[in-house]
C-alpha atoms as a PDB file:
ATOM      1  CA  UNK A   1     180.576 -41.397  51.214  1.00  0.00           C
ATOM      2  CA  UNK A   2     178.796 -44.395  53.135  1.00  0.00           C
ATOM      3  CA  UNK A   3     177.091 -47.562  51.320  1.00  0.00           C
ATOM      4  CA  UNK A   4     173.809 -45.736  51.716  1.00  0.00           C
ATOM      5  CA  UNK A   5     174.591 -42.794  50.621  1.00  0.00           C
ATOM      6  CA  UNK A   6     175.704 -44.363  47.196  1.00  0.00           C
ATOM      7  CA  UNK A   7     172.533 -46.646  46.683  1.00  0.00           C
ATOM      8  CA  UNK A   8     170.210 -43.764  47.150  1.00  0.00           C
ATOM      9  CA  UNK A   9     172.417 -41.407  45.241  1.00  0.00           C
ATOM     10  CA  UNK A  10     172.698 -44.520  42.783  1.00  0.00           C
ATOM     11  CA  UNK A  11     168.619 -45.136  42.079  1.00  0.00           C
ATOM     12  CA  UNK A  12     168.495 -41.974  42.682  1.00  0.00           C
ATOM     13  CA  UNK A  13     170.188 -40.844  39.310  1.00  0.00           C
ATOM     14  CA  UNK A  14     168.635 -44.482  37.949  1.00  0.00           C
ATOM     15  CA  UNK A  15     164.701 -43.912  38.910  1.00  0.00           C
ATOM     16  CA  UNK A  16     164.629 -40.018  38.675  1.00  0.00           C
ATOM     17  CA  UNK A  17     167.402 -38.257  36.386  1.00  0.00           C
ATOM     18  CA  UNK A  18     168.184 -40.435  34.034  1.00  0.00           C
ATOM     19  CA  UNK A  19     170.911 -39.691  30.855  1.00  0.00           C
ATOM     20  CA  UNK A  20     171.930 -36.536  34.055  1.00  0.00           C
ATOM     21  CA  UNK A  21     175.346 -35.410  34.802  1.00  0.00           C
ATOM     22  CA  UNK A  22     176.355 -38.096  38.316  1.00  0.00           C
ATOM     23  CA  UNK A  23     178.083 -34.929  39.343  1.00  0.00           C
ATOM     24  CA  UNK A  24     175.498 -32.762  39.347  1.00  0.00           C
ATOM     25  CA  UNK A  25     173.774 -35.108  42.223  1.00  0.00           C
ATOM     26  CA  UNK A  26     175.129 -33.882  45.219  1.00  0.00           C
ATOM     27  CA  UNK A  27     174.382 -34.402  48.998  1.00  0.00           C
ATOM     28  CA  UNK A  28     173.138 -31.342  49.789  1.00  0.00           C
ATOM     29  CA  UNK A  29     170.993 -31.025  46.136  1.00  0.00           C
ATOM     30  CA  UNK A  30     167.336 -30.975  47.283  1.00  0.00           C
ATOM     31  CA  UNK A  31     165.326 -32.923  46.200  1.00  0.00           C
ATOM     32  CA  UNK A  32     161.824 -32.845  46.852  1.00  0.00           C
ATOM     33  CA  UNK A  33     162.217 -28.435  47.734  1.00  0.00           C
ATOM     34  CA  UNK A  34     163.656 -28.669  44.574  1.00  0.00           C
ATOM     35  CA  UNK A  35     161.322 -30.357  41.987  1.00  0.00           C
ATOM     36  CA  UNK A  36     163.840 -33.383  41.704  1.00  0.00           C
ATOM     37  CA  UNK A  37     160.816 -35.179  43.677  1.00  0.00           C
ATOM     38  CA  UNK A  38     156.876 -34.426  43.154  1.00  0.00           C
ATOM     39  CA  UNK A  39     154.680 -36.632  45.584  1.00  0.00           C
ATOM     40  CA  UNK A  40     153.996 -39.836  43.688  1.00  0.00           C
ATOM     41  CA  UNK A  41     158.063 -39.798  43.691  1.00  0.00           C
ATOM     42  CA  UNK A  42     158.807 -39.039  47.009  1.00  0.00           C
ATOM     43  CA  UNK A  43     156.629 -42.157  47.367  1.00  0.00           C
ATOM     44  CA  UNK A  44     158.608 -44.212  45.063  1.00  0.00           C
ATOM     45  CA  UNK A  45     161.741 -43.758  47.133  1.00  0.00           C
ATOM     46  CA  UNK A  46     160.217 -44.149  50.384  1.00  0.00           C
ATOM     47  CA  UNK A  47     159.436 -47.978  49.277  1.00  0.00           C
ATOM     48  CA  UNK A  48     162.541 -48.108  47.812  1.00  0.00           C
ATOM     49  CA  UNK A  49     164.030 -47.482  51.120  1.00  0.00           C
ATOM     50  CA  UNK A  50     161.780 -49.761  52.751  1.00  0.00           C
ATOM     51  CA  UNK A  51     162.365 -52.815  50.474  1.00  0.00           C
ATOM     52  CA  UNK A  52     166.164 -52.259  50.560  1.00  0.00           C
ATOM     53  CA  UNK A  53     167.056 -50.810  54.227  1.00  0.00           C
ATOM     54  CA  UNK A  54     165.193 -53.429  55.588  1.00  0.00           C
ATOM     55  CA  UNK A  55     163.391 -50.340  57.362  1.00  0.00           C
ATOM     56  CA  UNK A  56     159.727 -48.732  58.445  1.00  0.00           C
ATOM     57  CA  UNK A  57     159.158 -45.262  57.196  1.00  0.00           C
ATOM     58  CA  UNK A  58     156.409 -43.637  59.177  1.00  0.00           C
ATOM     59  CA  UNK A  59     153.916 -42.015  57.502  1.00  0.00           C
ATOM     60  CA  UNK A  60     155.661 -37.742  58.923  1.00  0.00           C
ATOM     61  CA  UNK A  61     158.817 -39.116  57.464  1.00  0.00           C
ATOM     62  CA  UNK A  62     157.759 -39.663  53.917  1.00  0.00           C
ATOM     63  CA  UNK A  63     158.151 -35.391  53.981  1.00  0.00           C
ATOM     64  CA  UNK A  64     160.813 -33.247  52.468  1.00  0.00           C
ATOM     65  CA  UNK A  65     162.104 -33.100  56.242  1.00  0.00           C
ATOM     66  CA  UNK A  66     163.186 -36.252  56.142  1.00  0.00           C
ATOM     67  CA  UNK A  67     163.973 -37.095  52.375  1.00  0.00           C
ATOM     68  CA  UNK A  68     164.966 -33.576  50.975  1.00  0.00           C
ATOM     69  CA  UNK A  69     168.502 -34.359  50.415  1.00  0.00           C
ATOM     70  CA  UNK A  70     170.581 -37.450  49.867  1.00  0.00           C
ATOM     71  CA  UNK A  71     172.030 -36.749  53.344  1.00  0.00           C
ATOM     72  CA  UNK A  72     168.904 -36.609  54.618  1.00  0.00           C
ATOM     73  CA  UNK A  73     167.587 -39.772  53.649  1.00  0.00           C
ATOM     74  CA  UNK A  74     170.717 -40.987  54.797  1.00  0.00           C
ATOM     75  CA  UNK A  75     170.130 -39.727  58.304  1.00  0.00           C
ATOM     76  CA  UNK A  76     167.302 -41.293  58.027  1.00  0.00           C
ATOM     77  CA  UNK A  77     167.691 -44.739  57.521  1.00  0.00           C
ATOM     78  CA  UNK A  78     170.787 -44.942  59.848  1.00  0.00           C
ATOM     79  CA  UNK A  79     168.597 -43.692  63.056  1.00  0.00           C
ATOM     80  CA  UNK A  80     166.422 -46.674  61.382  1.00  0.00           C
ATOM     81  CA  UNK A  81     168.879 -49.041  61.328  1.00  0.00           C
ATOM     82  CA  UNK A  82     170.845 -48.488  64.926  1.00  0.00           C
ATOM     83  CA  UNK A  83     167.145 -49.463  66.597  1.00  0.00           C
END
């Protein structure tokens, strides 16, 4: 698991899944479509990503199309960092 995935996974466990078994949060768990993140949590996650990785997300990127899984999130962050 690369660094972005580790940081994002740790944040999600700490902020949205305290007390849950970390082994259950895999890279493919659906965070938004699975009901783990609601709209407020998604905005909080987006703010964390912008701050932590010094990137700027567009409004359309704050959706399940881009932030639904840890793998999706890592791909988005890495694409923003390479610009």
